[in-house]
């Protein structure tokens, strides 16, 4: 988790496939976020559901592989640990 303290901000957004999601991505870009190229599946919130694809954006820079891997591990092992 040491890397996460130095990264800045990370967020997940829906893929830009319709007007509102395209506008949302543009808003975050105007706020200084950049899209990362990682194929990212957010873990499911309930047993029996599958994860869903999201876009990872970060500010002020793109994530390195090590930073993305640490973020993804933190998401799965800490944030979502007790989801169900």
PDB file of N, CA and C in Angstrom:
ATOM      1  N   UNK A   1       0.817  -1.200   0.000  1.00  0.00           N
ATOM      2  CA  UNK A   1       0.000   0.000   0.000  1.00  0.00           C
ATOM      3  C   UNK A   1       0.853   1.253   0.000  1.00  0.00           C
ATOM      4  N   UNK A   2       2.137   1.132   0.094  1.00  0.00           N
ATOM      5  CA  UNK A   2       3.005   2.306   0.077  1.00  0.00           C
ATOM      6  C   UNK A   2       2.870   3.093  -1.217  1.00  0.00           C
ATOM      7  N   UNK A   3       2.744   2.399  -2.341  1.00  0.00           N
ATOM      8  CA  UNK A   3       2.617   3.099  -3.620  1.00  0.00           C
ATOM      9  C   UNK A   3       1.334   3.916  -3.679  1.00  0.00           C
ATOM     10  N   UNK A   4       0.253   3.404  -3.109  1.00  0.00           N
ATOM     11  CA  UNK A   4      -1.024   4.109  -3.196  1.00  0.00           C
ATOM     12  C   UNK A   4      -0.972   5.469  -2.518  1.00  0.00           C
ATOM     13  N   UNK A   5      -0.133   5.633  -1.531  1.00  0.00           N
ATOM     14  CA  UNK A   5      -0.010   6.926  -0.853  1.00  0.00           C
ATOM     15  C   UNK A   5       0.619   7.977  -1.752  1.00  0.00           C
ATOM     16  N   UNK A   6       1.379   7.551  -2.748  1.00  0.00           N
ATOM     17  CA  UNK A   6       2.117   8.475  -3.603  1.00  0.00           C
ATOM     18  C   UNK A   6       1.457   8.716  -4.957  1.00  0.00           C
ATOM     19  N   UNK A   7       0.421   7.973  -5.287  1.00  0.00           N
ATOM     20  CA  UNK A   7      -0.158   8.009  -6.627  1.00  0.00           C
ATOM     21  C   UNK A   7      -0.943   9.279  -6.914  1.00  0.00           C
ATOM     22  N   UNK A   8      -1.725   9.732  -6.008  1.00  0.00           N
ATOM     23  CA  UNK A   8      -2.645  10.834  -6.271  1.00  0.00           C
ATOM     24  C   UNK A   8      -4.049  10.312  -6.123  1.00  0.00           C
ATOM     25  N   UNK A   9      -4.868  10.447  -7.150  1.00  0.00           N
ATOM     26  CA  UNK A   9      -6.259   9.998  -7.106  1.00  0.00           C
ATOM     27  C   UNK A   9      -6.515   8.944  -8.170  1.00  0.00           C
ATOM     28  N   UNK A  10      -7.348   7.971  -7.817  1.00  0.00           N
ATOM     29  CA  UNK A  10      -7.762   6.928  -8.754  1.00  0.00           C
ATOM     30  C   UNK A  10      -9.276   6.838  -8.689  1.00  0.00           C
ATOM     31  N   UNK A  11      -9.901   6.686  -9.848  1.00  0.00           N
ATOM     32  CA  UNK A  11     -11.341   6.451  -9.864  1.00  0.00           C
ATOM     33  C   UNK A  11     -11.678   5.454 -10.946  1.00  0.00           C
ATOM     34  N   UNK A  12     -12.849   4.843 -10.799  1.00  0.00           N
ATOM     35  CA  UNK A  12     -13.366   3.906 -11.788  1.00  0.00           C
ATOM     36  C   UNK A  12     -14.649   4.513 -12.359  1.00  0.00           C
ATOM     37  N   UNK A  13     -14.776   4.476 -13.686  1.00  0.00           N
ATOM     38  CA  UNK A  13     -15.996   4.977 -14.322  1.00  0.00           C
ATOM     39  C   UNK A  13     -16.511   3.951 -15.321  1.00  0.00           C
ATOM     40  N   UNK A  14     -17.792   4.090 -15.650  1.00  0.00           N
ATOM     41  CA  UNK A  14     -18.367   3.232 -16.682  1.00  0.00           C
ATOM     42  C   UNK A  14     -17.682   3.514 -18.015  1.00  0.00           C
ATOM     43  N   UNK A  15     -17.549   2.487 -18.860  1.00  0.00           N
ATOM     44  CA  UNK A  15     -16.980   2.722 -20.191  1.00  0.00           C
ATOM     45  C   UNK A  15     -17.810   3.771 -20.943  1.00  0.00           C
ATOM     46  N   UNK A  16     -17.154   4.633 -21.709  1.00  0.00           N
ATOM     47  CA  UNK A  16     -17.868   5.688 -22.444  1.00  0.00           C
ATOM     48  C   UNK A  16     -18.576   5.127 -23.681  1.00  0.00           C
ATOM     49  N   UNK A  17     -19.834   4.716 -23.482  1.00  0.00           N
ATOM     50  CA  UNK A  17     -20.576   4.088 -24.577  1.00  0.00           C
ATOM     51  C   UNK A  17     -21.834   4.851 -24.980  1.00  0.00           C
ATOM     52  N   UNK A  18     -22.259   5.798 -24.147  1.00  0.00           N
ATOM     53  CA  UNK A  18     -23.437   6.593 -24.495  1.00  0.00           C
ATOM     54  C   UNK A  18     -23.141   8.052 -24.135  1.00  0.00           C
ATOM     55  N   UNK A  19     -24.092   8.932 -24.429  1.00  0.00           N
ATOM     56  CA  UNK A  19     -23.860  10.367 -24.256  1.00  0.00           C
ATOM     57  C   UNK A  19     -23.434  10.725 -22.829  1.00  0.00           C
ATOM     58  N   UNK A  20     -24.137  10.189 -21.840  1.00  0.00           N
ATOM     59  CA  UNK A  20     -23.840  10.579 -20.462  1.00  0.00           C
ATOM     60  C   UNK A  20     -22.488  10.044 -20.004  1.00  0.00           C
ATOM     61  N   UNK A  21     -22.160   8.799 -20.366  1.00  0.00           N
ATOM     62  CA  UNK A  21     -20.862   8.252 -19.944  1.00  0.00           C
ATOM     63  C   UNK A  21     -19.703   8.912 -20.707  1.00  0.00           C
ATOM     64  N   UNK A  22     -19.926   9.314 -21.934  1.00  0.00           N
ATOM     65  CA  UNK A  22     -18.906  10.053 -22.695  1.00  0.00           C
ATOM     66  C   UNK A  22     -18.684  11.421 -22.054  1.00  0.00           C
ATOM     67  N   UNK A  23     -19.775  12.095 -21.686  1.00  0.00           N
ATOM     68  CA  UNK A  23     -19.665  13.406 -21.029  1.00  0.00           C
ATOM     69  C   UNK A  23     -18.974  13.281 -19.667  1.00  0.00           C
ATOM     70  N   UNK A  24     -19.281  12.208 -18.937  1.00  0.00           N
ATOM     71  CA  UNK A  24     -18.666  11.999 -17.634  1.00  0.00           C
ATOM     72  C   UNK A  24     -17.146  11.832 -17.778  1.00  0.00           C
ATOM     73  N   UNK A  25     -16.717  11.039 -18.745  1.00  0.00           N
ATOM     74  CA  UNK A  25     -15.278  10.853 -18.991  1.00  0.00           C
ATOM     75  C   UNK A  25     -14.632  12.190 -19.338  1.00  0.00           C
ATOM     76  N   UNK A  26     -15.285  12.976 -20.186  1.00  0.00           N
ATOM     77  CA  UNK A  26     -14.767  14.290 -20.548  1.00  0.00           C
ATOM     78  C   UNK A  26     -14.641  15.210 -19.343  1.00  0.00           C
ATOM     79  N   UNK A  27     -15.613  15.169 -18.447  1.00  0.00           N
ATOM     80  CA  UNK A  27     -15.549  15.970 -17.229  1.00  0.00           C
ATOM     81  C   UNK A  27     -14.296  15.626 -16.427  1.00  0.00           C
ATOM     82  N   UNK A  28     -14.073  14.332 -16.219  1.00  0.00           N
ATOM     83  CA  UNK A  28     -12.901  13.928 -15.446  1.00  0.00           C
ATOM     84  C   UNK A  28     -11.597  14.311 -16.162  1.00  0.00           C
ATOM     85  N   UNK A  29     -11.575  14.225 -17.471  1.00  0.00           N
ATOM     86  CA  UNK A  29     -10.382  14.642 -18.217  1.00  0.00           C
ATOM     87  C   UNK A  29     -10.138  16.136 -18.041  1.00  0.00           C
ATOM     88  N   UNK A  30     -11.186  16.933 -18.045  1.00  0.00           N
ATOM     89  CA  UNK A  30     -11.024  18.374 -17.829  1.00  0.00           C
ATOM     90  C   UNK A  30     -10.541  18.677 -16.406  1.00  0.00           C
ATOM     91  N   UNK A  31     -10.787  17.739 -15.500  1.00  0.00           N
ATOM     92  CA  UNK A  31     -10.320  17.877 -14.106  1.00  0.00           C
ATOM     93  C   UNK A  31      -8.907  17.330 -13.928  1.00  0.00           C
ATOM     94  N   UNK A  32      -8.281  16.906 -15.004  1.00  0.00           N
ATOM     95  CA  UNK A  32      -6.892  16.456 -14.934  1.00  0.00           C
ATOM     96  C   UNK A  32      -6.685  14.956 -14.844  1.00  0.00           C
ATOM     97  N   UNK A  33      -7.761  14.169 -14.917  1.00  0.00           N
ATOM     98  CA  UNK A  33      -7.628  12.713 -14.882  1.00  0.00           C
ATOM     99  C   UNK A  33      -7.245  12.188 -16.265  1.00  0.00           C
ATOM    100  N   UNK A  34      -6.490  11.091 -16.277  1.00  0.00           N
ATOM    101  CA  UNK A  34      -6.114  10.427 -17.522  1.00  0.00           C
ATOM    102  C   UNK A  34      -6.599   8.984 -17.475  1.00  0.00           C
ATOM    103  N   UNK A  35      -6.968   8.479 -18.639  1.00  0.00           N
ATOM    104  CA  UNK A  35      -7.448   7.097 -18.750  1.00  0.00           C
ATOM    105  C   UNK A  35      -6.250   6.152 -18.749  1.00  0.00           C
ATOM    106  N   UNK A  36      -6.356   5.092 -17.977  1.00  0.00           N
ATOM    107  CA  UNK A  36      -5.344   4.048 -17.972  1.00  0.00           C
ATOM    108  C   UNK A  36      -5.786   2.919 -18.896  1.00  0.00           C
ATOM    109  N   UNK A  37      -4.855   2.224 -19.479  1.00  0.00           N
ATOM    110  CA  UNK A  37      -5.157   1.225 -20.501  1.00  0.00           C
ATOM    111  C   UNK A  37      -5.358  -0.188 -19.955  1.00  0.00           C
ATOM    112  N   UNK A  38      -5.505  -0.325 -18.658  1.00  0.00           N
ATOM    113  CA  UNK A  38      -5.665  -1.647 -18.061  1.00  0.00           C
ATOM    114  C   UNK A  38      -7.083  -2.164 -18.273  1.00  0.00           C
ATOM    115  N   UNK A  39      -7.184  -3.456 -18.571  1.00  0.00           N
ATOM    116  CA  UNK A  39      -8.485  -4.105 -18.626  1.00  0.00           C
ATOM    117  C   UNK A  39      -8.891  -4.351 -17.180  1.00  0.00           C
ATOM    118  N   UNK A  40      -9.926  -3.667 -16.717  1.00  0.00           N
ATOM    119  CA  UNK A  40     -10.256  -3.656 -15.294  1.00  0.00           C
ATOM    120  C   UNK A  40     -11.674  -4.158 -15.069  1.00  0.00           C
ATOM    121  N   UNK A  41     -11.788  -5.177 -14.242  1.00  0.00           N
ATOM    122  CA  UNK A  41     -13.083  -5.725 -13.860  1.00  0.00           C
ATOM    123  C   UNK A  41     -13.283  -5.472 -12.370  1.00  0.00           C
ATOM    124  N   UNK A  42     -14.297  -4.699 -12.034  1.00  0.00           N
ATOM    125  CA  UNK A  42     -14.601  -4.446 -10.620  1.00  0.00           C
ATOM    126  C   UNK A  42     -15.248  -5.695 -10.052  1.00  0.00           C
ATOM    127  N   UNK A  43     -14.821  -6.143  -8.867  1.00  0.00           N
ATOM    128  CA  UNK A  43     -15.406  -7.360  -8.279  1.00  0.00           C
ATOM    129  C   UNK A  43     -16.906  -7.197  -8.026  1.00  0.00           C
ATOM    130  N   UNK A  44     -17.643  -8.319  -8.043  1.00  0.00           N
ATOM    131  CA  UNK A  44     -19.088  -8.246  -7.780  1.00  0.00           C
ATOM    132  C   UNK A  44     -19.371  -7.882  -6.328  1.00  0.00           C
ATOM    133  N   UNK A  45     -20.519  -7.280  -6.106  1.00  0.00           N
ATOM    134  CA  UNK A  45     -20.956  -6.920  -4.759  1.00  0.00           C
ATOM    135  C   UNK A  45     -21.735  -8.046  -4.081  1.00  0.00           C
ATOM    136  N   UNK A  46     -22.253  -8.999  -4.871  1.00  0.00           N
ATOM    137  CA  UNK A  46     -23.083 -10.064  -4.318  1.00  0.00           C
ATOM    138  C   UNK A  46     -22.671 -11.414  -4.900  1.00  0.00           C
ATOM    139  N   UNK A  47     -22.806 -12.458  -4.088  1.00  0.00           N
ATOM    140  CA  UNK A  47     -22.534 -13.819  -4.552  1.00  0.00           C
ATOM    141  C   UNK A  47     -23.453 -14.121  -5.729  1.00  0.00           C
ATOM    142  N   UNK A  48     -22.892 -14.760  -6.727  1.00  0.00           N
ATOM    143  CA  UNK A  48     -23.677 -15.126  -7.896  1.00  0.00           C
ATOM    144  C   UNK A  48     -23.625 -14.093  -9.010  1.00  0.00           C
ATOM    145  N   UNK A  49     -23.217 -12.892  -8.696  1.00  0.00           N
ATOM    146  CA  UNK A  49     -23.066 -11.863  -9.728  1.00  0.00           C
ATOM    147  C   UNK A  49     -21.655 -11.916 -10.283  1.00  0.00           C
ATOM    148  N   UNK A  50     -21.486 -11.410 -11.477  1.00  0.00           N
ATOM    149  CA  UNK A  50     -20.145 -11.307 -12.045  1.00  0.00           C
ATOM    150  C   UNK A  50     -19.666  -9.867 -11.918  1.00  0.00           C
ATOM    151  N   UNK A  51     -18.367  -9.693 -12.005  1.00  0.00           N
ATOM    152  CA  UNK A  51     -17.810  -8.348 -11.979  1.00  0.00           C
ATOM    153  C   UNK A  51     -18.209  -7.588 -13.231  1.00  0.00           C
ATOM    154  N   UNK A  52     -17.940  -6.294 -13.239  1.00  0.00           N
ATOM    155  CA  UNK A  52     -18.271  -5.502 -14.416  1.00  0.00           C
ATOM    156  C   UNK A  52     -17.075  -4.649 -14.818  1.00  0.00           C
ATOM    157  N   UNK A  53     -16.962  -4.464 -16.121  1.00  0.00           N
ATOM    158  CA  UNK A  53     -15.837  -3.720 -16.677  1.00  0.00           C
ATOM    159  C   UNK A  53     -15.981  -2.234 -16.371  1.00  0.00           C
ATOM    160  N   UNK A  54     -14.918  -1.650 -15.887  1.00  0.00           N
ATOM    161  CA  UNK A  54     -14.867  -0.216 -15.648  1.00  0.00           C
ATOM    162  C   UNK A  54     -13.562   0.337 -16.203  1.00  0.00           C
ATOM    163  N   UNK A  55     -13.539   1.628 -16.441  1.00  0.00           N
ATOM    164  CA  UNK A  55     -12.339   2.335 -16.872  1.00  0.00           C
ATOM    165  C   UNK A  55     -11.663   2.902 -15.625  1.00  0.00           C
ATOM    166  N   UNK A  56     -10.362   2.707 -15.518  1.00  0.00           N
ATOM    167  CA  UNK A  56      -9.596   3.272 -14.403  1.00  0.00           C
ATOM    168  C   UNK A  56      -8.968   4.573 -14.881  1.00  0.00           C
ATOM    169  N   UNK A  57      -9.247   5.642 -14.144  1.00  0.00           N
ATOM    170  CA  UNK A  57      -8.643   6.940 -14.432  1.00  0.00           C
ATOM    171  C   UNK A  57      -7.839   7.363 -13.212  1.00  0.00           C
ATOM    172  N   UNK A  58      -6.781   8.101 -13.451  1.00  0.00           N
ATOM    173  CA  UNK A  58      -5.931   8.556 -12.346  1.00  0.00           C
ATOM    174  C   UNK A  58      -5.482   9.982 -12.601  1.00  0.00           C
ATOM    175  N   UNK A  59      -5.089  10.608 -11.504  1.00  0.00           N
ATOM    176  CA  UNK A  59      -4.645  11.994 -11.568  1.00  0.00           C
ATOM    177  C   UNK A  59      -3.466  12.159 -10.631  1.00  0.00           C
ATOM    178  N   UNK A  60      -2.395  12.729 -10.999  1.00  0.00           N
ATOM    179  CA  UNK A  60      -2.172  13.510 -12.213  1.00  0.00           C
ATOM    180  C   UNK A  60      -1.580  12.692 -13.367  1.00  0.00           C
ATOM    181  N   UNK A  61      -1.120  11.468 -13.108  1.00  0.00           N
ATOM    182  CA  UNK A  61      -0.431  10.683 -14.140  1.00  0.00           C
ATOM    183  C   UNK A  61      -1.083   9.332 -14.336  1.00  0.00           C
ATOM    184  N   UNK A  62      -0.751   8.679 -15.471  1.00  0.00           N
ATOM    185  CA  UNK A  62      -1.156   7.300 -15.662  1.00  0.00           C
ATOM    186  C   UNK A  62      -0.463   6.435 -14.619  1.00  0.00           C
ATOM    187  N   UNK A  63      -1.083   5.310 -14.306  1.00  0.00           N
ATOM    188  CA  UNK A  63      -0.519   4.383 -13.340  1.00  0.00           C
ATOM    189  C   UNK A  63       0.531   3.503 -13.995  1.00  0.00           C
ATOM    190  N   UNK A  64       1.561   3.186 -13.231  1.00  0.00           N
ATOM    191  CA  UNK A  64       2.519   2.173 -13.683  1.00  0.00           C
ATOM    192  C   UNK A  64       1.883   0.806 -13.439  1.00  0.00           C
ATOM    193  N   UNK A  65       2.482  -0.234 -13.968  1.00  0.00           N
ATOM    194  CA  UNK A  65       1.972  -1.584 -13.719  1.00  0.00           C
ATOM    195  C   UNK A  65       1.942  -1.878 -12.223  1.00  0.00           C
ATOM    196  N   UNK A  66       2.999  -1.517 -11.516  1.00  0.00           N
ATOM    197  CA  UNK A  66       3.067  -1.773 -10.072  1.00  0.00           C
ATOM    198  C   UNK A  66       1.969  -1.005  -9.331  1.00  0.00           C
ATOM    199  N   UNK A  67       1.716   0.231  -9.718  1.00  0.00           N
ATOM    200  CA  UNK A  67       0.678   1.030  -9.068  1.00  0.00           C
ATOM    201  C   UNK A  67      -0.707   0.445  -9.329  1.00  0.00           C
ATOM    202  N   UNK A  68      -0.962   0.057 -10.595  1.00  0.00           N
ATOM    203  CA  UNK A  68      -2.261  -0.539 -10.903  1.00  0.00           C
ATOM    204  C   UNK A  68      -2.450  -1.847 -10.131  1.00  0.00           C
ATOM    205  N   UNK A  69      -1.432  -2.682 -10.109  1.00  0.00           N
ATOM    206  CA  UNK A  69      -1.540  -3.965  -9.403  1.00  0.00           C
ATOM    207  C   UNK A  69      -1.791  -3.752  -7.916  1.00  0.00           C
ATOM    208  N   UNK A  70      -1.152  -2.758  -7.329  1.00  0.00           N
ATOM    209  CA  UNK A  70      -1.381  -2.480  -5.912  1.00  0.00           C
ATOM    210  C   UNK A  70      -2.805  -1.952  -5.686  1.00  0.00           C
ATOM    211  N   UNK A  71      -3.258  -1.066  -6.544  1.00  0.00           N
ATOM    212  CA  UNK A  71      -4.638  -0.573  -6.457  1.00  0.00           C
ATOM    213  C   UNK A  71      -5.628  -1.724  -6.577  1.00  0.00           C
ATOM    214  N   UNK A  72      -5.445  -2.584  -7.572  1.00  0.00           N
ATOM    215  CA  UNK A  72      -6.371  -3.682  -7.809  1.00  0.00           C
ATOM    216  C   UNK A  72      -6.371  -4.662  -6.631  1.00  0.00           C
ATOM    217  N   UNK A  73      -5.216  -4.938  -6.083  1.00  0.00           N
ATOM    218  CA  UNK A  73      -5.133  -5.807  -4.903  1.00  0.00           C
ATOM    219  C   UNK A  73      -5.829  -5.175  -3.703  1.00  0.00           C
ATOM    220  N   UNK A  74      -5.626  -3.880  -3.493  1.00  0.00           N
ATOM    221  CA  UNK A  74      -6.270  -3.171  -2.386  1.00  0.00           C
ATOM    222  C   UNK A  74      -7.794  -3.209  -2.552  1.00  0.00           C
ATOM    223  N   UNK A  75      -8.256  -2.999  -3.773  1.00  0.00           N
ATOM    224  CA  UNK A  75      -9.691  -3.040  -4.058  1.00  0.00           C
ATOM    225  C   UNK A  75     -10.271  -4.410  -3.698  1.00  0.00           C
ATOM    226  N   UNK A  76      -9.617  -5.468  -4.162  1.00  0.00           N
ATOM    227  CA  UNK A  76     -10.134  -6.821  -3.949  1.00  0.00           C
ATOM    228  C   UNK A  76      -9.950  -7.306  -2.515  1.00  0.00           C
ATOM    229  N   UNK A  77      -8.779  -7.043  -1.947  1.00  0.00           N
ATOM    230  CA  UNK A  77      -8.425  -7.638  -0.648  1.00  0.00           C
ATOM    231  C   UNK A  77      -8.844  -6.806   0.556  1.00  0.00           C
ATOM    232  N   UNK A  78      -9.093  -5.516   0.367  1.00  0.00           N
ATOM    233  CA  UNK A  78      -9.459  -4.656   1.489  1.00  0.00           C
ATOM    234  C   UNK A  78     -10.867  -4.084   1.305  1.00  0.00           C
ATOM    235  N   UNK A  79     -11.070  -3.340   0.238  1.00  0.00           N
ATOM    236  CA  UNK A  79     -12.351  -2.663   0.015  1.00  0.00           C
ATOM    237  C   UNK A  79     -13.495  -3.666  -0.142  1.00  0.00           C
ATOM    238  N   UNK A  80     -13.300  -4.668  -0.977  1.00  0.00           N
ATOM    239  CA  UNK A  80     -14.370  -5.623  -1.288  1.00  0.00           C
ATOM    240  C   UNK A  80     -14.313  -6.893  -0.438  1.00  0.00           C
ATOM    241  N   UNK A  81     -13.403  -6.965   0.499  1.00  0.00           N
ATOM    242  CA  UNK A  81     -13.173  -8.169   1.290  1.00  0.00           C
ATOM    243  C   UNK A  81     -14.444  -8.683   1.956  1.00  0.00           C
ATOM    244  N   UNK A  82     -15.232  -7.831   2.527  1.00  0.00           N
ATOM    245  CA  UNK A  82     -16.434  -8.242   3.250  1.00  0.00           C
ATOM    246  C   UNK A  82     -17.722  -7.888   2.514  1.00  0.00           C
ATOM    247  N   UNK A  83     -17.642  -7.827   1.190  1.00  0.00           N
ATOM    248  CA  UNK A  83     -18.820  -7.415   0.422  1.00  0.00           C
ATOM    249  C   UNK A  83     -19.963  -8.418   0.540  1.00  0.00           C
ATOM    250  N   UNK A  84     -19.627  -9.669   0.739  1.00  0.00           N
ATOM    251  CA  UNK A  84     -20.680 -10.677   0.945  1.00  0.00           C
ATOM    252  C   UNK A  84     -20.168 -11.794   1.790  1.00  0.00           C
TER     253      UNK A  84
END
